[in-house]
Amino acid sequence: MKAYQIKISLIGSNPLIWRRVIMPAFATFNRLNDIIQNVTNFESGYPYEPCHLFQFDLYKENMKVTNDDEAYREHKYYMKNKKKIKKRLESMDDEFSKNYLENLKTVIRKPAGKKIDDYLTKYKEIRYTYDFGDNWEFLIELEKIVDDYKFGYPKLIDGANTSPPEDVGGIPGFYEFLKIYKDKNHPDHLKVRKWADSQNYREYDKEHINGTLKFIKYKRNEK
């Protein structure tokens, strides 16, 4: 079975939080989101319900793949009324209107309806953003193509450092959280520990992650 070995890195983390994963080819962007969620401490991937919005920025194709239904509907409306909207916005001589028009021109696709293969093999990397509030940004890099992968689900090969929990406040909030979480003498230590448990926060555990990844099996239309 054809597969991809990818490296998933959390941009801005120091020391770098990263995971090396091998995943069967012909996956949708929705399935790639599931993998990213399961190798981190986030909880929007299969088998969980979505917690936050996410997007893959395929900027070299002027395209975004996202579960943001509002952005998808807005782009569809623009495509149906392109001339009228363009004329109206161009008559507004201000920077906001120009930027808004450029954003509308970006193609929006849904993650369950588009596969990763063509883009990943052509450009070797994909940018991914999760939770537009905390704004977690990841770089997904194609390291190599594997022709004889024997499993129908992804597998974590290697990685380093524990990833953030949900809703911790981005990179600055995460490192503030870690400081309190690890300091037994901090007055908020027990409170933060209790909150971390409620968020299902877990230290990096390769065996546990591989246990969850086994549930991410591809649907027939993804093969």
Protein backbone atom coordinates (compact mmCIF):
# COMPACT_ATOMS: atom_id res chain seq x y z
CA MET A 1 0.00 0.00 0.00
CA LYS A 2 1.25 3.47 -0.87
CA ALA A 3 1.82 5.71 2.16
CA TYR A 4 3.43 9.00 3.17
CA GLN A 5 5.91 9.62 5.94
CA ILE A 6 5.20 13.11 7.24
CA LYS A 7 6.58 15.34 9.97
CA ILE A 8 4.09 17.47 11.90
CA SER A 9 5.65 20.44 13.74
CA LEU A 10 3.96 23.02 15.99
CA ILE A 11 5.28 26.38 14.79
CA GLY A 12 6.51 28.63 17.60
CA SER A 13 7.04 25.84 20.13
CA ASN A 14 10.42 25.81 21.88
CA PRO A 15 11.65 23.15 22.30
CA LEU A 16 9.95 22.04 19.10
CA ILE A 17 6.87 19.86 19.50
CA TRP A 18 6.88 17.43 16.57
CA ARG A 19 5.54 14.06 15.44
CA ARG A 20 6.67 11.75 12.64
CA VAL A 21 3.78 9.76 11.21
CA ILE A 22 3.32 7.28 8.41
CA MET A 23 -0.15 7.40 6.87
CA PRO A 24 -1.80 5.57 3.96
CA ALA A 25 -2.11 7.63 0.79
CA PHE A 26 -5.37 8.83 -0.80
CA ALA A 27 -6.54 10.45 2.44
CA THR A 28 -8.84 13.44 2.57
CA PHE A 29 -7.85 16.62 4.37
CA ASN A 30 -10.47 15.67 6.94
CA ARG A 31 -8.51 12.50 7.67
CA LEU A 32 -5.26 14.45 7.93
CA ASN A 33 -6.95 16.71 10.47
CA ASP A 34 -7.94 13.58 12.43
CA ILE A 35 -4.32 12.46 12.50
CA ILE A 36 -3.00 15.84 13.68
CA GLN A 37 -5.61 15.98 16.42
CA ASN A 38 -4.83 12.45 17.63
CA VAL A 39 -1.05 12.91 17.79
CA THR A 40 -1.52 16.07 19.88
CA ASN A 41 -3.70 16.81 22.91
CA PHE A 42 -6.43 18.39 20.81
CA GLU A 43 -9.86 16.81 20.53
CA SER A 44 -11.50 17.77 17.25
CA GLY A 45 -10.49 14.68 15.28
CA TYR A 46 -12.18 11.32 14.91
CA PRO A 47 -13.85 9.88 16.99
CA TYR A 48 -14.63 13.19 18.77
CA GLU A 49 -16.96 16.00 17.76
CA PRO A 50 -15.35 19.19 16.36
CA CYS A 51 -14.20 21.61 19.07
CA HIS A 52 -12.89 24.40 16.86
CA LEU A 53 -12.47 25.45 13.26
CA PHE A 54 -9.39 24.47 11.27
CA GLN A 55 -7.95 25.21 7.86
CA PHE A 56 -5.23 23.97 5.54
CA ASP A 57 -3.67 26.88 3.67
CA LEU A 58 -2.81 25.75 0.13
CA TYR A 59 -1.50 29.19 -0.72
CA LYS A 60 0.41 28.09 -3.83
CA GLU A 61 -2.94 27.08 -5.31
CA ASN A 62 -4.78 30.12 -3.85
CA MET A 63 -6.97 27.68 -1.92
CA LYS A 64 -8.03 26.97 1.65
CA VAL A 65 -9.49 23.68 2.84
CA THR A 66 -11.56 24.27 5.96
CA ASN A 67 -14.50 23.14 8.07
CA ASP A 68 -15.59 26.79 8.29
CA ASP A 69 -19.03 26.57 6.67
CA GLU A 70 -19.45 30.34 6.73
CA ALA A 71 -16.29 30.86 4.67
CA TYR A 72 -17.44 28.15 2.25
CA ARG A 73 -20.89 29.73 1.79
CA GLU A 74 -19.36 33.19 1.37
CA HIS A 75 -17.06 31.98 -1.39
CA LYS A 76 -19.93 30.21 -3.17
CA TYR A 77 -21.98 33.40 -3.04
CA TYR A 78 -19.02 35.35 -4.44
CA MET A 79 -18.61 32.90 -7.33
CA LYS A 80 -22.31 33.26 -8.25
CA ASN A 81 -22.24 37.07 -7.98
CA LYS A 82 -18.64 37.79 -8.89
CA LYS A 83 -19.12 40.78 -11.21
CA LYS A 84 -21.57 42.58 -8.95
CA ILE A 85 -19.47 42.12 -5.80
CA LYS A 86 -16.24 43.03 -7.55
CA LYS A 87 -17.75 46.22 -8.97
CA ARG A 88 -19.14 47.25 -5.57
CA LEU A 89 -15.93 46.62 -3.67
CA GLU A 90 -13.72 48.27 -6.26
CA SER A 91 -15.82 51.45 -5.94
CA MET A 92 -14.86 51.57 -2.24
CA ASP A 93 -11.39 53.01 -2.35
CA ASP A 94 -10.07 51.71 0.96
CA GLU A 95 -7.63 49.03 2.11
CA PHE A 96 -10.26 46.91 3.88
CA SER A 97 -12.37 46.50 0.72
CA LYS A 98 -9.33 45.57 -1.35
CA ASN A 99 -8.22 42.95 1.18
CA TYR A 100 -11.76 41.62 1.51
CA LEU A 101 -12.03 41.21 -2.25
CA GLU A 102 -8.70 39.37 -2.41
CA ASN A 103 -9.84 37.03 0.36
CA LEU A 104 -13.05 36.29 -1.51
CA LYS A 105 -11.01 35.23 -4.52
CA THR A 106 -9.37 32.47 -2.46
CA VAL A 107 -10.99 29.14 -3.34
CA ILE A 108 -12.63 27.43 -0.36
CA ARG A 109 -13.01 23.65 -0.26
CA LYS A 110 -14.45 21.32 2.37
CA PRO A 111 -11.97 18.90 4.00
CA ALA A 112 -14.06 15.76 3.48
CA GLY A 113 -14.26 16.35 -0.27
CA LYS A 114 -10.61 16.91 -1.18
CA LYS A 115 -7.62 14.58 -0.99
CA ILE A 116 -4.11 15.52 0.09
CA ASP A 117 -2.12 13.59 -2.51
CA ASP A 118 -1.66 16.01 -5.40
CA TYR A 119 -0.77 18.98 -3.22
CA LEU A 120 1.46 17.10 -0.76
CA THR A 121 3.50 15.32 -3.43
CA LYS A 122 3.84 18.47 -5.56
CA TYR A 123 4.78 21.02 -2.89
CA LYS A 124 6.11 18.74 -0.10
CA GLU A 125 4.51 20.78 2.69
CA ILE A 126 1.16 22.03 3.97
CA ARG A 127 0.33 24.74 6.51
CA TYR A 128 -2.42 23.94 9.01
CA THR A 129 -4.15 26.22 11.53
CA TYR A 130 -6.36 24.95 14.34
CA ASP A 131 -8.61 27.04 16.62
CA PHE A 132 -8.66 30.57 15.20
CA GLY A 133 -8.70 31.94 18.76
CA ASP A 134 -5.61 30.19 20.13
CA ASN A 135 -4.27 30.10 16.55
CA TRP A 136 -2.18 26.92 16.61
CA GLU A 137 -0.08 26.78 13.45
CA PHE A 138 1.50 23.58 12.18
CA LEU A 139 3.82 22.69 9.33
CA ILE A 140 3.23 19.29 7.71
CA GLU A 141 6.23 18.15 5.67
CA LEU A 142 6.42 15.19 3.32
CA GLU A 143 9.63 13.30 4.17
CA LYS A 144 9.26 10.30 1.89
CA ILE A 145 6.82 8.12 -0.04
CA VAL A 146 6.51 4.51 1.10
CA ASP A 147 5.34 1.89 -1.41
CA ASP A 148 4.88 -1.15 0.84
CA TYR A 149 2.99 0.06 3.93
CA LYS A 150 1.03 -2.84 5.40
CA PHE A 151 -1.61 -1.14 7.55
CA GLY A 152 -4.88 0.60 6.73
CA TYR A 153 -4.42 3.22 9.46
CA PRO A 154 -1.73 5.77 10.44
CA LYS A 155 1.16 5.03 12.78
CA LEU A 156 3.30 7.32 14.94
CA ILE A 157 6.99 6.56 14.34
CA ASP A 158 8.65 9.18 16.53
CA GLY A 159 8.14 12.54 18.18
CA ALA A 160 9.21 14.86 20.97
CA ASN A 161 7.67 16.98 23.70
CA THR A 162 4.15 17.13 25.05
CA SER A 163 1.61 19.12 23.07
CA PRO A 164 -0.77 21.78 24.50
CA PRO A 165 -4.28 21.09 25.78
CA GLU A 166 -7.39 22.64 24.28
CA ASP A 167 -8.21 26.28 25.06
CA VAL A 168 -4.98 27.07 26.90
CA GLY A 169 -4.46 30.44 25.20
CA GLY A 170 -2.03 29.81 22.36
CA ILE A 171 1.75 29.46 22.68
CA PRO A 172 2.13 32.10 25.46
CA GLY A 173 -0.72 30.58 27.45
CA PHE A 174 0.71 27.08 27.05
CA TYR A 175 4.11 27.96 28.50
CA GLU A 176 2.48 29.84 31.37
CA PHE A 177 0.33 26.76 31.96
CA LEU A 178 3.40 24.48 31.96
CA LYS A 179 5.18 26.68 34.51
CA ILE A 180 2.29 26.38 36.97
CA TYR A 181 1.56 22.72 36.11
CA LYS A 182 5.10 21.67 37.00
CA ASP A 183 5.54 23.89 40.08
CA LYS A 184 4.02 22.16 43.12
CA ASN A 185 4.64 25.27 45.20
CA HIS A 186 2.66 27.59 42.93
CA PRO A 187 -0.61 28.73 44.59
CA ASP A 188 -2.58 27.77 41.45
CA HIS A 189 -0.87 24.40 40.94
CA LEU A 190 -3.78 22.18 42.08
CA LYS A 191 -6.33 24.31 40.26
CA VAL A 192 -4.35 24.07 37.01
CA ARG A 193 -3.87 20.31 37.46
CA LYS A 194 -7.60 19.85 37.89
CA TRP A 195 -8.30 21.96 34.79
CA ALA A 196 -5.72 19.95 32.81
CA ASP A 197 -7.49 16.72 33.75
CA SER A 198 -10.79 18.17 32.55
CA GLN A 199 -9.11 18.89 29.20
CA ASN A 200 -7.76 15.31 28.95
CA TYR A 201 -4.22 16.70 28.99
CA ARG A 202 -1.67 13.90 28.70
CA GLU A 203 2.14 13.79 28.64
CA TYR A 204 3.59 12.64 25.30
CA ASP A 205 2.89 8.90 25.12
CA LYS A 206 3.75 7.16 21.86
CA GLU A 207 2.03 3.90 22.79
CA HIS A 208 -1.22 5.63 23.73
CA ILE A 209 -1.21 7.72 20.54
CA ASN A 210 -0.70 4.64 18.37
CA GLY A 211 -3.63 3.02 20.16
CA THR A 212 -5.90 5.91 19.13
CA LEU A 213 -4.55 6.08 15.57
CA LYS A 214 -5.68 2.52 14.89
CA PHE A 215 -9.26 3.78 14.91
CA ILE A 216 -8.58 6.16 12.01
CA LYS A 217 -9.38 3.76 9.20
CA TYR A 218 -10.07 5.10 5.75
CA LYS A 219 -13.50 5.00 4.21
CA ARG A 220 -13.98 3.24 0.87
CA ASN A 221 -14.16 6.49 -1.07
CA GLU A 222 -10.77 7.48 0.32
CA LYS A 223 -8.98 4.60 -1.39
